[in-house]
Amino acid sequence: MAILQIIEPEVKDLGGFIARRSLPYPQRQMVGPFIFFDHLGPSVLPTNKGIDVRPHPHINLATLTYLFDGAIMHRDSLGVVQEIQPGAVNWMTAGKGIVHSERSPDFDRFNEVTIHGIQTWIALPVEYEEIDPWFVHYTAETLPSWSENGAVIKLIAGEASGYTSPVKVFSPILYLDVVLSVNANFTVPTGYSERAVYSVTEGLSINDEPLEPYRLAILEPDSKVKVSANTAARCIVIGGEPLGKRYKWWNFVSSRPERIEQAKADWRDKHFANVPNETEFIPLPEVVTEANPL
C-alpha cells in the first residue's frame, strides 16, 4: 500500500477567496519541514475586489508562495515590494521576526481576475530559527523543469531527479509542480523520509488507486509511487526530513513554546518592525482558531 493517510483539507474563506488547508492537520502536523499547506482558489475576484491580507507577523519559519494563476503583491518590514506571477517563487525567511502583507496589485483591481496557487510555511532547523529575516524572489525561468512519460515536472525547491532548485533552503526538501497530460504518469522521487502528493485537480491516481481532487495523500516511507492521470491534471509533491516537534499559534511557529509567548507579547506591544506605507494593524487574537486570518 503506497498511501499512509489521506487528508481532506478544511475549507476557509480568507476575505473573498477560498483556501483549502491541509496542514497542520489534527493527526498530522508536518510533512518533512512543511508545517502549513494552503491551496488558494481557484477563486474569481470581481472588478474592484482584490486580495487584502493585512500586515501580520511571523517568526522561526519561511514562507513560500507559488501561483498557478493571478498575481500577489508582497510587502514586508524589510522594505521589500515584490509582485509574484505564476511559476515564480517568493521565499521569505522570517527568522527572528518579520511582518508582511499580501495584496492584489493595483492594476488587477480594475479587472476580473482569477487567483490560484499554493502557499506553504516551512519550519527552520533549530540552529536557523533566529537568523536575520530576508526575502528572495525567483523568476519562473530559473526553476528547473523536465518531462517524464507525458508529465512536465517543475522543481520548486530542493533536489530531485538530478536537478537542484536555486531556491535557498535550510534542510533537505522536495517540492514539485507536476502537470500531466491524458494518460501521462511519473514516479515520485525517493530519498526523503516523508513525502506527500496533493491533487490540485481531478483525474489523478496513485498506483492506480483514484485520488479525489483537493486531497493530500501522505505516502508510505520508501514506497515506490506512480502518479498517473486519465485526463489533463495537476498535482503538487512535497517532502523532506522531519525537524522535530514544532509549536504553532496564529502566525507564529517555533521549537520553543516560550518563544511563541515572547512573539505574542512583542506583537501586542507593537515591537515588530512596520511595513512601510502600511497603516492597518491586526490586534493579537484573544483566541486562535483556524478561522483567524493569516
Protein backbone atom coordinates (compact mmCIF):
# COMPACT_ATOMS: atom_id res chain seq x y z
CA MET A 1 0.00 0.00 0.00
CA ALA A 2 1.56 3.32 -1.09
CA ILE A 3 -0.72 5.69 0.86
CA LEU A 4 -0.33 6.03 4.61
CA GLN A 5 -3.03 8.68 5.13
CA ILE A 6 -5.46 10.84 3.14
CA ILE A 7 -6.06 14.38 4.42
CA GLU A 8 -9.21 16.22 3.40
CA PRO A 9 -8.46 19.94 3.82
CA GLU A 10 -10.50 22.37 5.84
CA VAL A 11 -12.09 24.99 3.59
CA LYS A 12 -11.64 28.62 4.65
CA ASP A 13 -12.89 31.93 3.29
CA LEU A 14 -9.95 34.32 3.51
CA GLY A 15 -11.73 37.53 2.69
CA GLY A 16 -13.37 36.71 -0.61
CA PHE A 17 -11.20 33.85 -1.82
CA ILE A 18 -11.18 30.21 -0.84
CA ALA A 19 -8.28 28.40 0.83
CA ARG A 20 -8.13 24.66 1.43
CA ARG A 21 -5.87 24.00 4.42
CA SER A 22 -4.31 20.52 4.60
CA LEU A 23 -1.53 21.22 7.13
CA PRO A 24 -1.41 21.35 10.04
CA TYR A 25 -3.97 18.56 10.50
CA PRO A 26 -5.15 17.09 13.81
CA GLN A 27 -3.49 13.75 13.07
CA ARG A 28 -0.58 15.15 11.04
CA GLN A 29 1.30 18.32 11.95
CA MET A 30 4.01 18.25 9.28
CA VAL A 31 5.39 16.59 6.15
CA GLY A 32 9.16 16.95 6.34
CA PRO A 33 9.68 20.64 7.19
CA PHE A 34 6.28 21.69 5.74
CA ILE A 35 4.06 22.79 8.63
CA PHE A 36 1.42 24.73 6.69
CA PHE A 37 -0.12 23.94 3.30
CA ASP A 38 -2.85 26.10 1.77
CA HIS A 39 -4.37 25.66 -1.69
CA LEU A 40 -5.61 29.14 -2.65
CA GLY A 41 -8.57 29.18 -5.01
CA PRO A 42 -9.20 28.90 -7.80
CA SER A 43 -11.31 31.94 -6.99
CA VAL A 44 -12.55 34.63 -9.36
CA LEU A 45 -12.20 38.10 -7.89
CA PRO A 46 -14.67 40.57 -9.42
CA THR A 47 -13.75 44.04 -10.60
CA ASN A 48 -12.85 46.38 -7.71
CA LYS A 49 -12.37 43.41 -5.37
CA GLY A 50 -8.87 42.23 -4.56
CA ILE A 51 -6.94 40.20 -2.01
CA ASP A 52 -6.09 42.19 1.09
CA VAL A 53 -4.15 40.14 3.63
CA ARG A 54 -3.21 42.84 6.12
CA PRO A 55 0.25 43.14 7.72
CA HIS A 56 0.91 40.20 10.04
CA PRO A 57 3.99 38.77 11.77
CA HIS A 58 5.96 35.53 11.52
CA ILE A 59 8.87 34.02 13.44
CA ASN A 60 11.14 30.98 13.11
CA LEU A 61 9.84 29.84 9.71
CA ALA A 62 9.99 30.54 5.99
CA THR A 63 7.03 31.16 3.70
CA LEU A 64 6.93 30.06 0.06
CA THR A 65 4.29 31.42 -2.31
CA TYR A 66 3.76 29.75 -5.71
CA LEU A 67 0.97 30.73 -8.10
CA PHE A 68 -0.77 28.91 -10.96
CA ASP A 69 -2.85 31.96 -11.92
CA GLY A 70 -3.15 35.60 -10.90
CA ALA A 71 -0.72 37.87 -9.06
CA ILE A 72 0.02 38.94 -5.49
CA MET A 73 1.98 41.97 -4.29
CA HIS A 74 4.25 41.21 -1.34
CA ARG A 75 5.37 43.99 1.02
CA ASP A 76 7.39 43.43 4.18
CA SER A 77 9.09 45.18 7.08
CA LEU A 78 12.46 44.93 5.31
CA GLY A 79 11.09 47.38 2.73
CA VAL A 80 10.75 44.73 0.01
CA VAL A 81 7.96 45.25 -2.55
CA GLN A 82 7.68 42.32 -4.97
CA GLU A 83 4.89 41.18 -7.25
CA ILE A 84 4.72 37.44 -7.85
CA GLN A 85 3.41 35.98 -11.09
CA PRO A 86 2.56 32.34 -11.98
CA GLY A 87 5.51 29.94 -11.93
CA ALA A 88 7.76 32.17 -9.82
CA VAL A 89 8.70 31.77 -6.15
CA ASN A 90 8.54 34.27 -3.31
CA TRP A 91 10.63 32.91 -0.42
CA MET A 92 10.53 34.87 2.83
CA THR A 93 12.63 33.76 5.79
CA ALA A 94 11.08 35.15 8.96
CA GLY A 95 13.90 34.10 11.29
CA LYS A 96 13.79 36.23 14.42
CA GLY A 97 10.79 38.15 13.10
CA ILE A 98 9.24 39.82 10.07
CA VAL A 99 5.92 41.45 9.13
CA HIS A 100 4.39 41.30 5.67
CA SER A 101 1.20 41.98 3.74
CA GLU A 102 -0.17 40.28 0.62
CA ARG A 103 -2.50 42.20 -1.64
CA SER A 104 -3.74 42.26 -5.20
CA PRO A 105 -1.68 44.55 -7.46
CA ASP A 106 -3.46 47.84 -8.18
CA PHE A 107 -3.88 47.03 -11.87
CA ASP A 108 -5.71 43.77 -11.11
CA ARG A 109 -8.35 45.58 -9.09
CA PHE A 110 -9.71 47.13 -12.28
CA ASN A 111 -10.33 43.72 -13.84
CA GLU A 112 -11.96 40.41 -13.05
CA VAL A 113 -9.06 38.12 -12.18
CA THR A 114 -8.53 34.55 -11.01
CA ILE A 115 -6.29 33.77 -8.05
CA HIS A 116 -4.96 30.23 -7.78
CA GLY A 117 -1.87 28.85 -6.11
CA ILE A 118 -0.17 27.23 -3.16
CA GLN A 119 1.16 28.86 -0.01
CA THR A 120 3.33 26.89 2.38
CA TRP A 121 5.20 27.53 5.60
CA ILE A 122 8.47 25.70 6.09
CA ALA A 123 9.88 25.19 9.57
CA LEU A 124 13.52 26.09 10.06
CA PRO A 125 16.07 23.85 11.78
CA VAL A 126 16.61 24.94 15.39
CA GLU A 127 20.01 26.47 14.62
CA TYR A 128 18.46 28.77 11.98
CA GLU A 129 15.25 29.80 13.74
CA GLU A 130 16.65 33.13 14.95
CA ILE A 131 18.59 34.25 11.88
CA ASP A 132 18.05 37.71 10.46
CA PRO A 133 14.97 37.88 8.21
CA TRP A 134 15.38 38.07 4.44
CA PHE A 135 13.39 37.80 1.22
CA VAL A 136 14.28 36.47 -2.25
CA HIS A 137 12.21 36.35 -5.45
CA TYR A 138 12.99 33.64 -8.02
CA THR A 139 11.64 34.07 -11.54
CA ALA A 140 9.86 31.18 -13.23
CA GLU A 141 12.59 30.57 -15.81
CA THR A 142 15.22 29.95 -13.11
CA LEU A 143 13.41 26.86 -11.77
CA PRO A 144 14.45 23.53 -13.35
CA SER A 145 11.85 21.55 -15.31
CA TRP A 146 11.81 18.30 -17.27
CA SER A 147 9.42 15.84 -18.91
CA GLU A 148 8.64 12.25 -17.94
CA ASN A 149 6.09 10.00 -19.66
CA GLY A 150 3.82 12.90 -20.68
CA ALA A 151 4.25 14.79 -17.39
CA VAL A 152 6.01 18.15 -17.14
CA ILE A 153 7.71 18.49 -13.77
CA LYS A 154 8.97 21.74 -12.26
CA LEU A 155 11.29 21.69 -9.25
CA ILE A 156 10.13 24.50 -6.99
CA ALA A 157 12.56 23.81 -4.15
CA GLY A 158 15.08 21.16 -3.14
CA GLU A 159 16.61 18.36 -5.20
CA ALA A 160 15.06 15.67 -7.40
CA SER A 161 15.99 13.54 -10.42
CA GLY A 162 19.46 15.06 -10.65
CA TYR A 163 18.17 18.66 -10.61
CA THR A 164 18.63 21.32 -7.92
CA SER A 165 16.39 24.36 -7.46
CA PRO A 166 18.11 27.71 -6.93
CA VAL A 167 15.76 28.42 -4.00
CA LYS A 168 17.88 28.57 -0.86
CA VAL A 169 16.64 26.08 1.75
CA PHE A 170 17.83 25.14 5.22
CA SER A 171 17.12 21.40 5.30
CA PRO A 172 16.50 18.59 2.77
CA ILE A 173 13.24 19.36 0.95
CA LEU A 174 11.20 18.17 -2.01
CA TYR A 175 8.70 20.46 -3.73
CA LEU A 176 7.41 19.71 -7.25
CA ASP A 177 4.69 21.11 -9.51
CA VAL A 178 3.58 18.36 -11.91
CA VAL A 179 1.32 18.92 -14.94
CA LEU A 180 0.11 15.70 -16.58
CA SER A 181 -1.47 15.19 -19.98
CA VAL A 182 -4.04 12.45 -20.67
CA ASN A 183 -2.61 9.01 -19.79
CA ALA A 184 0.63 10.52 -18.50
CA ASN A 185 2.45 9.27 -15.42
CA PHE A 186 5.52 9.94 -13.32
CA THR A 187 7.34 8.31 -10.42
CA VAL A 188 7.57 10.25 -7.15
CA PRO A 189 11.24 10.71 -6.22
CA THR A 190 12.58 8.68 -3.31
CA GLY A 191 15.37 9.59 -0.94
CA TYR A 192 13.23 11.57 1.50
CA SER A 193 11.84 10.22 4.77
CA GLU A 194 8.46 11.89 4.30
CA ARG A 195 6.55 12.59 1.06
CA ALA A 196 3.04 13.60 0.07
CA VAL A 197 1.04 14.22 -3.12
CA TYR A 198 -1.64 16.92 -3.29
CA SER A 199 -4.29 16.65 -6.03
CA VAL A 200 -4.82 20.15 -7.43
CA THR A 201 -7.32 18.72 -9.95
CA GLU A 202 -9.36 15.62 -10.61
CA GLY A 203 -8.22 12.74 -12.78
CA LEU A 204 -5.26 11.54 -10.71
CA SER A 205 -4.39 8.08 -9.39
CA ILE A 206 -1.66 6.82 -7.08
CA ASN A 207 -0.51 3.33 -8.01
CA ASP A 208 -3.79 3.02 -9.97
CA GLU A 209 -5.94 3.98 -6.95
CA PRO A 210 -8.02 7.11 -7.75
CA LEU A 211 -7.23 10.19 -5.69
CA GLU A 212 -10.05 12.67 -5.22
CA PRO A 213 -9.29 16.31 -6.03
CA TYR A 214 -8.12 18.55 -3.18
CA ARG A 215 -6.62 15.72 -1.12
CA LEU A 216 -3.17 15.43 0.45
CA ALA A 217 -2.01 11.83 0.25
CA ILE A 218 0.73 11.02 2.77
CA LEU A 219 2.93 8.32 1.24
CA GLU A 220 4.42 5.26 2.89
CA PRO A 221 8.15 5.76 3.55
CA ASP A 222 10.40 4.29 0.87
CA SER A 223 7.42 3.12 -1.20
CA LYS A 224 7.56 3.19 -5.00
CA VAL A 225 4.80 5.54 -6.09
CA LYS A 226 3.50 6.16 -9.59
CA VAL A 227 1.11 9.07 -10.16
CA SER A 228 -0.99 8.80 -13.32
CA ALA A 229 -3.77 10.77 -14.98
CA ASN A 230 -6.79 9.79 -17.07
CA THR A 231 -7.32 13.42 -18.13
CA ALA A 232 -5.30 16.63 -18.09
CA ALA A 233 -4.38 17.01 -14.42
CA ARG A 234 -2.06 18.67 -11.94
CA CYS A 235 -0.53 17.77 -8.58
CA ILE A 236 1.97 19.10 -6.07
CA VAL A 237 4.55 16.86 -4.40
CA ILE A 238 6.11 17.86 -1.07
CA GLY A 239 8.51 16.10 1.25
CA GLY A 240 11.73 16.23 3.20
CA GLU A 241 13.26 15.28 6.50
CA PRO A 242 11.44 15.76 9.82
CA LEU A 243 12.77 18.52 12.08
CA GLY A 244 11.10 17.52 15.35
CA LYS A 245 8.19 18.99 17.26
CA ARG A 246 7.07 22.49 16.40
CA TYR A 247 4.56 24.70 18.21
CA LYS A 248 2.13 26.80 16.16
CA TRP A 249 -0.04 29.65 17.42
CA TRP A 250 -1.67 32.02 14.95
CA ASN A 251 1.17 33.08 12.59
CA PHE A 252 3.95 32.00 14.94
CA VAL A 253 5.90 28.74 14.66
CA SER A 254 8.80 27.73 16.88
CA SER A 255 10.51 24.76 18.52
CA ARG A 256 10.11 26.60 21.84
CA PRO A 257 6.72 27.49 23.37
CA GLU A 258 8.31 30.31 25.37
CA ARG A 259 9.47 31.90 22.09
CA ILE A 260 5.88 32.00 20.89
CA GLU A 261 4.84 33.69 24.13
CA GLN A 262 7.54 36.30 23.53
CA ALA A 263 6.32 36.87 19.96
CA LYS A 264 2.76 37.30 21.19
CA ALA A 265 3.88 39.96 23.67
CA ASP A 266 6.03 41.68 21.02
CA TRP A 267 3.12 41.90 18.58
CA ARG A 268 0.69 43.05 21.26
CA ASP A 269 3.12 45.78 22.33
CA LYS A 270 3.97 46.73 18.72
CA HIS A 271 7.64 45.84 18.96
CA PHE A 272 7.76 44.28 15.49
CA ALA A 273 9.03 46.48 12.65
CA ASN A 274 6.38 48.09 10.47
CA VAL A 275 5.76 47.51 6.77
CA PRO A 276 6.46 50.83 5.01
CA ASN A 277 3.32 52.56 3.66
CA GLU A 278 1.01 50.12 5.51
CA THR A 279 -1.17 51.53 8.28
CA GLU A 280 -3.51 48.66 9.15
CA PHE A 281 -2.89 46.63 12.30
CA ILE A 282 -4.35 43.25 13.25
CA PRO A 283 -4.69 43.03 17.06
CA LEU A 284 -3.35 39.90 18.69
CA PRO A 285 -6.24 37.42 18.74
CA GLU A 286 -7.77 36.61 22.10
CA VAL A 287 -8.38 33.05 20.99
CA VAL A 288 -6.80 31.40 17.98
CA THR A 289 -8.86 29.22 15.71
CA GLU A 290 -8.22 28.29 12.10
CA ALA A 291 -10.84 30.91 11.19
CA ASN A 292 -8.47 33.70 12.20
CA PRO A 293 -6.95 35.49 9.19
CA LEU A 294 -3.42 34.81 8.06
